[in-house]
Amino acid sequence: MHQVVFSRWFAVFSSLAVAGCSSQPSPSFPLFGAYFPSWLAYLAVGIVGALVVRLIFVRTGVDDQMPFRLVVYISLAAGIAFALALLIYGR
């Protein structure tokens, strides 16, 4: 009896885990003959954007005032990458 209940719950939860899958392909673009995932490109743009913001913060003196610089700059890079992906793909 316990095995039947477990298998039913497993079937329910495993079907919920793949419910987010869609028929649309993942966002990617061809680069050098292979499909390159767009999130890697957005991550690179986010890192460059965070470096530019860091240069601005260093010149204005804001960088010296921040207590957790690493967390701030990683969050900036991720925020820039997420915003760019949302603006371009809208998902």
PDB file of N, CA and C in Angstrom:
ATOM      1  N   MET A   1       0.823  -1.197   0.000  1.00  0.00           N
ATOM      2  CA  MET A   1       0.000   0.000   0.000  1.00  0.00           C
ATOM      3  C   MET A   1       0.865   1.257   0.000  1.00  0.00           C
ATOM      4  N   HIS A   2       1.907   1.235   0.830  1.00  0.00           N
ATOM      5  CA  HIS A   2       2.792   2.401   0.917  1.00  0.00           C
ATOM      6  C   HIS A   2       3.483   2.668  -0.427  1.00  0.00           C
ATOM      7  N   GLN A   3       3.826   1.595  -1.143  1.00  0.00           N
ATOM      8  CA  GLN A   3       4.493   1.725  -2.436  1.00  0.00           C
ATOM      9  C   GLN A   3       3.571   2.385  -3.465  1.00  0.00           C
ATOM     10  N   VAL A   4       2.281   2.070  -3.441  1.00  0.00           N
ATOM     11  CA  VAL A   4       1.322   2.636  -4.395  1.00  0.00           C
ATOM     12  C   VAL A   4       1.152   4.130  -4.137  1.00  0.00           C
ATOM     13  N   VAL A   5       1.051   4.536  -2.876  1.00  0.00           N
ATOM     14  CA  VAL A   5       0.895   5.955  -2.537  1.00  0.00           C
ATOM     15  C   VAL A   5       2.136   6.734  -2.947  1.00  0.00           C
ATOM     16  N   PHE A   6       3.308   6.150  -2.674  1.00  0.00           N
ATOM     17  CA  PHE A   6       4.555   6.815  -3.056  1.00  0.00           C
ATOM     18  C   PHE A   6       4.654   6.992  -4.564  1.00  0.00           C
ATOM     19  N   SER A   7       4.288   5.971  -5.325  1.00  0.00           N
ATOM     20  CA  SER A   7       4.395   6.073  -6.781  1.00  0.00           C
ATOM     21  C   SER A   7       3.402   7.085  -7.347  1.00  0.00           C
ATOM     22  N   ARG A   8       2.238   7.234  -6.721  1.00  0.00           N
ATOM     23  CA  ARG A   8       1.283   8.246  -7.193  1.00  0.00           C
ATOM     24  C   ARG A   8       1.817   9.650  -6.930  1.00  0.00           C
ATOM     25  N   TRP A   9       2.355   9.869  -5.727  1.00  0.00           N
ATOM     26  CA  TRP A   9       2.921  11.192  -5.422  1.00  0.00           C
ATOM     27  C   TRP A   9       4.124  11.501  -6.300  1.00  0.00           C
ATOM     28  N   PHE A  10       4.923  10.475  -6.557  1.00  0.00           N
ATOM     29  CA  PHE A  10       6.065  10.676  -7.444  1.00  0.00           C
ATOM     30  C   PHE A  10       5.616  11.057  -8.845  1.00  0.00           C
ATOM     31  N   ALA A  11       4.553  10.425  -9.335  1.00  0.00           N
ATOM     32  CA  ALA A  11       4.032  10.751 -10.659  1.00  0.00           C
ATOM     33  C   ALA A  11       3.494  12.179 -10.709  1.00  0.00           C
ATOM     34  N   VAL A  12       2.825  12.605  -9.644  1.00  0.00           N
ATOM     35  CA  VAL A  12       2.270  13.965  -9.602  1.00  0.00           C
ATOM     36  C   VAL A  12       3.392  14.987  -9.577  1.00  0.00           C
ATOM     37  N   PHE A  13       4.364  14.807  -8.698  1.00  0.00           N
ATOM     38  CA  PHE A  13       5.436  15.796  -8.569  1.00  0.00           C
ATOM     39  C   PHE A  13       6.379  15.802  -9.767  1.00  0.00           C
ATOM     40  N   SER A  14       6.605  14.648 -10.381  1.00  0.00           N
ATOM     41  CA  SER A  14       7.463  14.639 -11.559  1.00  0.00           C
ATOM     42  C   SER A  14       6.773  15.304 -12.748  1.00  0.00           C
ATOM     43  N   SER A  15       5.452  15.183 -12.843  1.00  0.00           N
ATOM     44  CA  SER A  15       4.756  15.873 -13.926  1.00  0.00           C
ATOM     45  C   SER A  15       4.726  17.376 -13.690  1.00  0.00           C
ATOM     46  N   LEU A  16       4.689  17.813 -12.427  1.00  0.00           N
ATOM     47  CA  LEU A  16       4.754  19.242 -12.136  1.00  0.00           C
ATOM     48  C   LEU A  16       6.136  19.814 -12.421  1.00  0.00           C
ATOM     49  N   ALA A  17       7.158  18.996 -12.268  1.00  0.00           N
ATOM     50  CA  ALA A  17       8.518  19.469 -12.499  1.00  0.00           C
ATOM     51  C   ALA A  17       8.760  19.810 -13.967  1.00  0.00           C
ATOM     52  N   VAL A  18       8.130  19.090 -14.868  1.00  0.00           N
ATOM     53  CA  VAL A  18       8.319  19.353 -16.295  1.00  0.00           C
ATOM     54  C   VAL A  18       7.194  20.181 -16.883  1.00  0.00           C
ATOM     55  N   ALA A  19       6.307  20.692 -16.054  1.00  0.00           N
ATOM     56  CA  ALA A  19       5.187  21.478 -16.566  1.00  0.00           C
ATOM     57  C   ALA A  19       5.638  22.802 -17.155  1.00  0.00           C
ATOM     58  N   GLY A  20       6.798  23.286 -16.760  1.00  0.00           N
ATOM     59  CA  GLY A  20       7.302  24.547 -17.281  1.00  0.00           C
ATOM     60  C   GLY A  20       7.927  24.421 -18.660  1.00  0.00           C
ATOM     61  N   CYS A  21       8.134  23.224 -19.120  1.00  0.00           N
ATOM     62  CA  CYS A  21       8.722  23.024 -20.441  1.00  0.00           C
ATOM     63  C   CYS A  21       7.715  23.428 -21.510  1.00  0.00           C
ATOM     64  N   SER A  22       8.195  24.046 -22.548  1.00  0.00           N
ATOM     65  CA  SER A  22       7.307  24.473 -23.617  1.00  0.00           C
ATOM     66  C   SER A  22       7.856  23.992 -24.945  1.00  0.00           C
ATOM     67  N   SER A  23       7.080  24.191 -25.970  1.00  0.00           N
ATOM     68  CA  SER A  23       7.513  23.772 -27.299  1.00  0.00           C
ATOM     69  C   SER A  23       8.439  24.788 -27.943  1.00  0.00           C
ATOM     70  N   GLN A  24       8.577  25.962 -27.331  1.00  0.00           N
ATOM     71  CA  GLN A  24       9.468  26.980 -27.877  1.00  0.00           C
ATOM     72  C   GLN A  24      10.917  26.608 -27.563  1.00  0.00           C
ATOM     73  N   PRO A  25      11.797  26.795 -28.528  1.00  0.00           N
ATOM     74  CA  PRO A  25      13.207  26.478 -28.252  1.00  0.00           C
ATOM     75  C   PRO A  25      13.826  27.522 -27.325  1.00  0.00           C
ATOM     76  N   SER A  26      14.922  27.152 -26.722  1.00  0.00           N
ATOM     77  CA  SER A  26      15.606  28.091 -25.841  1.00  0.00           C
ATOM     78  C   SER A  26      16.235  29.199 -26.682  1.00  0.00           C
ATOM     79  N   PRO A  27      16.353  30.399 -26.129  1.00  0.00           N
ATOM     80  CA  PRO A  27      16.935  31.499 -26.897  1.00  0.00           C
ATOM     81  C   PRO A  27      18.423  31.254 -27.166  1.00  0.00           C
ATOM     82  N   SER A  28      18.752  31.177 -28.422  1.00  0.00           N
ATOM     83  CA  SER A  28      20.142  30.977 -28.819  1.00  0.00           C
ATOM     84  C   SER A  28      20.342  31.589 -30.199  1.00  0.00           C
ATOM     85  N   PHE A  29      21.595  31.755 -30.546  1.00  0.00           N
ATOM     86  CA  PHE A  29      21.898  32.296 -31.863  1.00  0.00           C
ATOM     87  C   PHE A  29      23.115  31.570 -32.417  1.00  0.00           C
ATOM     88  N   PRO A  30      23.187  31.438 -33.749  1.00  0.00           N
ATOM     89  CA  PRO A  30      24.329  30.729 -34.345  1.00  0.00           C
ATOM     90  C   PRO A  30      25.591  31.576 -34.294  1.00  0.00           C
ATOM     91  N   LEU A  31      26.673  30.951 -33.866  1.00  0.00           N
ATOM     92  CA  LEU A  31      27.963  31.626 -33.779  1.00  0.00           C
ATOM     93  C   LEU A  31      29.046  30.609 -34.121  1.00  0.00           C
ATOM     94  N   PHE A  32      29.808  30.865 -35.162  1.00  0.00           N
ATOM     95  CA  PHE A  32      30.869  29.978 -35.627  1.00  0.00           C
ATOM     96  C   PHE A  32      30.357  28.573 -35.938  1.00  0.00           C
ATOM     97  N   GLY A  33      29.165  28.477 -36.490  1.00  0.00           N
ATOM     98  CA  GLY A  33      28.620  27.205 -36.902  1.00  0.00           C
ATOM     99  C   GLY A  33      27.950  26.390 -35.813  1.00  0.00           C
ATOM    100  N   ALA A  34      27.870  26.937 -34.606  1.00  0.00           N
ATOM    101  CA  ALA A  34      27.212  26.228 -33.510  1.00  0.00           C
ATOM    102  C   ALA A  34      26.219  27.171 -32.838  1.00  0.00           C
ATOM    103  N   TYR A  35      25.224  26.593 -32.197  1.00  0.00           N
ATOM    104  CA  TYR A  35      24.244  27.421 -31.496  1.00  0.00           C
ATOM    105  C   TYR A  35      24.787  27.804 -30.127  1.00  0.00           C
ATOM    106  N   PHE A  36      24.814  29.084 -29.869  1.00  0.00           N
ATOM    107  CA  PHE A  36      25.383  29.650 -28.661  1.00  0.00           C
ATOM    108  C   PHE A  36      24.238  30.124 -27.776  1.00  0.00           C
ATOM    109  N   PRO A  37      24.176  29.682 -26.521  1.00  0.00           N
ATOM    110  CA  PRO A  37      23.067  30.126 -25.670  1.00  0.00           C
ATOM    111  C   PRO A  37      23.162  31.618 -25.379  1.00  0.00           C
ATOM    112  N   SER A  38      22.043  32.289 -25.507  1.00  0.00           N
ATOM    113  CA  SER A  38      22.062  33.746 -25.371  1.00  0.00           C
ATOM    114  C   SER A  38      22.355  34.197 -23.958  1.00  0.00           C
ATOM    115  N   TRP A  39      22.084  33.353 -22.953  1.00  0.00           N
ATOM    116  CA  TRP A  39      22.336  33.791 -21.584  1.00  0.00           C
ATOM    117  C   TRP A  39      23.820  33.983 -21.322  1.00  0.00           C
ATOM    118  N   LEU A  40      24.682  33.254 -22.043  1.00  0.00           N
ATOM    119  CA  LEU A  40      26.125  33.464 -21.880  1.00  0.00           C
ATOM    120  C   LEU A  40      26.546  34.822 -22.445  1.00  0.00           C
ATOM    121  N   ALA A  41      25.944  35.206 -23.551  1.00  0.00           N
ATOM    122  CA  ALA A  41      26.250  36.520 -24.117  1.00  0.00           C
ATOM    123  C   ALA A  41      25.753  37.626 -23.196  1.00  0.00           C
ATOM    124  N   TYR A  42      24.560  37.448 -22.627  1.00  0.00           N
ATOM    125  CA  TYR A  42      24.030  38.460 -21.706  1.00  0.00           C
ATOM    126  C   TYR A  42      24.854  38.526 -20.427  1.00  0.00           C
ATOM    127  N   LEU A  43      25.377  37.384 -19.994  1.00  0.00           N
ATOM    128  CA  LEU A  43      26.235  37.382 -18.817  1.00  0.00           C
ATOM    129  C   LEU A  43      27.522  38.157 -19.085  1.00  0.00           C
ATOM    130  N   ALA A  44      28.086  37.983 -20.265  1.00  0.00           N
ATOM    131  CA  ALA A  44      29.295  38.729 -20.614  1.00  0.00           C
ATOM    132  C   ALA A  44      29.012  40.230 -20.683  1.00  0.00           C
ATOM    133  N   VAL A  45      27.884  40.606 -21.258  1.00  0.00           N
ATOM    134  CA  VAL A  45      27.508  42.022 -21.316  1.00  0.00           C
ATOM    135  C   VAL A  45      27.250  42.557 -19.909  1.00  0.00           C
ATOM    136  N   GLY A  46      26.665  41.744 -19.038  1.00  0.00           N
ATOM    137  CA  GLY A  46      26.426  42.151 -17.661  1.00  0.00           C
ATOM    138  C   GLY A  46      27.712  42.370 -16.902  1.00  0.00           C
ATOM    139  N   ILE A  47      28.703  41.512 -17.126  1.00  0.00           N
ATOM    140  CA  ILE A  47      30.002  41.673 -16.463  1.00  0.00           C
ATOM    141  C   ILE A  47      30.688  42.937 -16.943  1.00  0.00           C
ATOM    142  N   VAL A  48      30.646  43.186 -18.240  1.00  0.00           N
ATOM    143  CA  VAL A  48      31.243  44.418 -18.765  1.00  0.00           C
ATOM    144  C   VAL A  48      30.507  45.645 -18.222  1.00  0.00           C
ATOM    145  N   GLY A  49      29.177  45.561 -18.141  1.00  0.00           N
ATOM    146  CA  GLY A  49      28.399  46.660 -17.572  1.00  0.00           C
ATOM    147  C   GLY A  49      28.736  46.908 -16.115  1.00  0.00           C
ATOM    148  N   ALA A  50      28.932  45.834 -15.347  1.00  0.00           N
ATOM    149  CA  ALA A  50      29.311  45.985 -13.939  1.00  0.00           C
ATOM    150  C   ALA A  50      30.703  46.595 -13.811  1.00  0.00           C
ATOM    151  N   LEU A  51      31.588  46.258 -14.719  1.00  0.00           N
ATOM    152  CA  LEU A  51      32.928  46.873 -14.701  1.00  0.00           C
ATOM    153  C   LEU A  51      32.860  48.364 -15.007  1.00  0.00           C
ATOM    154  N   VAL A  52      31.996  48.743 -15.938  1.00  0.00           N
ATOM    155  CA  VAL A  52      31.822  50.166 -16.250  1.00  0.00           C
ATOM    156  C   VAL A  52      31.238  50.911 -15.047  1.00  0.00           C
ATOM    157  N   VAL A  53      30.245  50.296 -14.398  1.00  0.00           N
ATOM    158  CA  VAL A  53      29.660  50.916 -13.215  1.00  0.00           C
ATOM    159  C   VAL A  53      30.695  51.011 -12.103  1.00  0.00           C
ATOM    160  N   ARG A  54      31.563  50.005 -11.978  1.00  0.00           N
ATOM    161  CA  ARG A  54      32.613  50.055 -10.960  1.00  0.00           C
ATOM    162  C   ARG A  54      33.570  51.210 -11.224  1.00  0.00           C
ATOM    163  N   LEU A  55      33.933  51.405 -12.476  1.00  0.00           N
ATOM    164  CA  LEU A  55      34.809  52.538 -12.801  1.00  0.00           C
ATOM    165  C   LEU A  55      34.160  53.867 -12.433  1.00  0.00           C
ATOM    166  N   ILE A  56      32.875  53.974 -12.677  1.00  0.00           N
ATOM    167  CA  ILE A  56      32.150  55.191 -12.303  1.00  0.00           C
ATOM    168  C   ILE A  56      32.125  55.338 -10.786  1.00  0.00           C
ATOM    169  N   PHE A  57      31.888  54.239 -10.073  1.00  0.00           N
ATOM    170  CA  PHE A  57      31.853  54.283  -8.609  1.00  0.00           C
ATOM    171  C   PHE A  57      33.224  54.636  -8.025  1.00  0.00           C
ATOM    172  N   VAL A  58      34.292  54.135  -8.630  1.00  0.00           N
ATOM    173  CA  VAL A  58      35.637  54.447  -8.130  1.00  0.00           C
ATOM    174  C   VAL A  58      35.949  55.928  -8.341  1.00  0.00           C
ATOM    175  N   ARG A  59      35.612  56.452  -9.491  1.00  0.00           N
ATOM    176  CA  ARG A  59      35.901  57.872  -9.769  1.00  0.00           C
ATOM    177  C   ARG A  59      35.087  58.820  -8.912  1.00  0.00           C
ATOM    178  N   THR A  60      33.856  58.410  -8.549  1.00  0.00           N
ATOM    179  CA  THR A  60      33.022  59.286  -7.726  1.00  0.00           C
ATOM    180  C   THR A  60      33.211  59.050  -6.234  1.00  0.00           C
ATOM    181  N   GLY A  61      33.939  58.008  -5.851  1.00  0.00           N
ATOM    182  CA  GLY A  61      34.193  57.738  -4.446  1.00  0.00           C
ATOM    183  C   GLY A  61      33.146  56.876  -3.774  1.00  0.00           C
ATOM    184  N   VAL A  62      32.184  56.382  -4.535  1.00  0.00           N
ATOM    185  CA  VAL A  62      31.133  55.539  -3.964  1.00  0.00           C
ATOM    186  C   VAL A  62      31.688  54.158  -3.612  1.00  0.00           C
ATOM    187  N   ASP A  63      32.691  53.696  -4.351  1.00  0.00           N
ATOM    188  CA  ASP A  63      33.260  52.370  -4.127  1.00  0.00           C
ATOM    189  C   ASP A  63      33.856  52.240  -2.725  1.00  0.00           C
ATOM    190  N   ASP A  64      34.434  53.310  -2.198  1.00  0.00           N
ATOM    191  CA  ASP A  64      35.020  53.272  -0.859  1.00  0.00           C
ATOM    192  C   ASP A  64      33.958  53.185   0.232  1.00  0.00           C
ATOM    193  N   GLN A  65      32.740  53.592  -0.054  1.00  0.00           N
ATOM    194  CA  GLN A  65      31.669  53.619   0.940  1.00  0.00           C
ATOM    195  C   GLN A  65      30.912  52.286   1.038  1.00  0.00           C
ATOM    196  N   MET A  66      31.050  51.418   0.038  1.00  0.00           N
ATOM    197  CA  MET A  66      30.264  50.181   0.000  1.00  0.00           C
ATOM    198  C   MET A  66      30.854  49.124   0.928  1.00  0.00           C
ATOM    199  N   PRO A  67      30.001  48.497   1.766  1.00  0.00           N
ATOM    200  CA  PRO A  67      30.516  47.480   2.684  1.00  0.00           C
ATOM    201  C   PRO A  67      30.765  46.118   2.028  1.00  0.00           C
ATOM    202  N   PHE A  68      29.905  45.690   1.111  1.00  0.00           N
ATOM    203  CA  PHE A  68      30.030  44.373   0.472  1.00  0.00           C
ATOM    204  C   PHE A  68      30.184  44.565  -1.030  1.00  0.00           C
ATOM    205  N   ARG A  69      31.370  44.884  -1.465  1.00  0.00           N
ATOM    206  CA  ARG A  69      31.603  45.219  -2.877  1.00  0.00           C
ATOM    207  C   ARG A  69      31.343  44.038  -3.799  1.00  0.00           C
ATOM    208  N   LEU A  70      31.817  42.871  -3.404  1.00  0.00           N
ATOM    209  CA  LEU A  70      31.663  41.697  -4.268  1.00  0.00           C
ATOM    210  C   LEU A  70      30.191  41.388  -4.520  1.00  0.00           C
ATOM    211  N   VAL A  71      29.392  41.428  -3.480  1.00  0.00           N
ATOM    212  CA  VAL A  71      27.960  41.152  -3.623  1.00  0.00           C
ATOM    213  C   VAL A  71      27.298  42.211  -4.498  1.00  0.00           C
ATOM    214  N   VAL A  72      27.691  43.453  -4.322  1.00  0.00           N
ATOM    215  CA  VAL A  72      27.103  44.547  -5.107  1.00  0.00           C
ATOM    216  C   VAL A  72      27.431  44.387  -6.586  1.00  0.00           C
ATOM    217  N   TYR A  73      28.677  44.092  -6.898  1.00  0.00           N
ATOM    218  CA  TYR A  73      29.058  44.014  -8.307  1.00  0.00           C
ATOM    219  C   TYR A  73      28.527  42.746  -8.984  1.00  0.00           C
ATOM    220  N   ILE A  74      28.430  41.646  -8.257  1.00  0.00           N
ATOM    221  CA  ILE A  74      27.814  40.445  -8.829  1.00  0.00           C
ATOM    222  C   ILE A  74      26.331  40.695  -9.080  1.00  0.00           C
ATOM    223  N   SER A  75      25.683  41.373  -8.140  1.00  0.00           N
ATOM    224  CA  SER A  75      24.265  41.702  -8.326  1.00  0.00           C
ATOM    225  C   SER A  75      24.060  42.661  -9.491  1.00  0.00           C
ATOM    226  N   LEU A  76      24.951  43.599  -9.649  1.00  0.00           N
ATOM    227  CA  LEU A  76      24.865  44.517 -10.791  1.00  0.00           C
ATOM    228  C   LEU A  76      25.015  43.769 -12.113  1.00  0.00           C
ATOM    229  N   ALA A  77      25.991  42.873 -12.182  1.00  0.00           N
ATOM    230  CA  ALA A  77      26.193  42.099 -13.413  1.00  0.00           C
ATOM    231  C   ALA A  77      24.966  41.245 -13.724  1.00  0.00           C
ATOM    232  N   ALA A  78      24.430  40.589 -12.704  1.00  0.00           N
ATOM    233  CA  ALA A  78      23.233  39.756 -12.921  1.00  0.00           C
ATOM    234  C   ALA A  78      22.035  40.614 -13.295  1.00  0.00           C
ATOM    235  N   GLY A  79      21.875  41.755 -12.646  1.00  0.00           N
ATOM    236  CA  GLY A  79      20.753  42.643 -12.957  1.00  0.00           C
ATOM    237  C   GLY A  79      20.810  43.179 -14.368  1.00  0.00           C
ATOM    238  N   ILE A  80      21.992  43.548 -14.812  1.00  0.00           N
ATOM    239  CA  ILE A  80      22.147  44.031 -16.185  1.00  0.00           C
ATOM    240  C   ILE A  80      21.857  42.911 -17.174  1.00  0.00           C
ATOM    241  N   ALA A  81      22.352  41.706 -16.895  1.00  0.00           N
ATOM    242  CA  ALA A  81      22.106  40.570 -17.791  1.00  0.00           C
ATOM    243  C   ALA A  81      20.623  40.219 -17.828  1.00  0.00           C
ATOM    244  N   PHE A  82      19.958  40.194 -16.668  1.00  0.00           N
ATOM    245  CA  PHE A  82      18.533  39.869 -16.635  1.00  0.00           C
ATOM    246  C   PHE A  82      17.705  40.929 -17.354  1.00  0.00           C
ATOM    247  N   ALA A  83      18.038  42.190 -17.139  1.00  0.00           N
ATOM    248  CA  ALA A  83      17.289  43.270 -17.781  1.00  0.00           C
ATOM    249  C   ALA A  83      17.452  43.225 -19.296  1.00  0.00           C
ATOM    250  N   LEU A  84      18.658  42.951 -19.752  1.00  0.00           N
ATOM    251  CA  LEU A  84      18.899  42.868 -21.190  1.00  0.00           C
ATOM    252  C   LEU A  84      18.148  41.685 -21.807  1.00  0.00           C
ATOM    253  N   ALA A  85      18.167  40.551 -21.141  1.00  0.00           N
ATOM    254  CA  ALA A  85      17.436  39.392 -21.652  1.00  0.00           C
ATOM    255  C   ALA A  85      15.934  39.648 -21.657  1.00  0.00           C
ATOM    256  N   LEU A  86      15.447  40.314 -20.646  1.00  0.00           N
ATOM    257  CA  LEU A  86      14.015  40.628 -20.593  1.00  0.00           C
ATOM    258  C   LEU A  86      13.624  41.623 -21.669  1.00  0.00           C
ATOM    259  N   LEU A  87      14.477  42.598 -21.927  1.00  0.00           N
ATOM    260  CA  LEU A  87      14.178  43.583 -22.970  1.00  0.00           C
ATOM    261  C   LEU A  87      14.206  42.966 -24.363  1.00  0.00           C
ATOM    262  N   ILE A  88      15.129  42.062 -24.602  1.00  0.00           N
ATOM    263  CA  ILE A  88      15.269  41.506 -25.949  1.00  0.00           C
ATOM    264  C   ILE A  88      14.276  40.368 -26.193  1.00  0.00           C
ATOM    265  N   TYR A  89      14.180  39.417 -25.260  1.00  0.00           N
ATOM    266  CA  TYR A  89      13.319  38.257 -25.484  1.00  0.00           C
ATOM    267  C   TYR A  89      11.949  38.396 -24.843  1.00  0.00           C
ATOM    268  N   GLY A  90      11.817  39.169 -23.800  1.00  0.00           N
ATOM    269  CA  GLY A  90      10.526  39.394 -23.184  1.00  0.00           C
ATOM    270  C   GLY A  90       9.954  38.185 -22.463  1.00  0.00           C
ATOM    271  N   ARG A  91      10.788  37.252 -22.070  1.00  0.00           N
ATOM    272  CA  ARG A  91      10.308  36.068 -21.348  1.00  0.00           C
ATOM    273  C   ARG A  91      10.631  36.208 -19.888  1.00  0.00           C
TER     274      ARG A  91
END
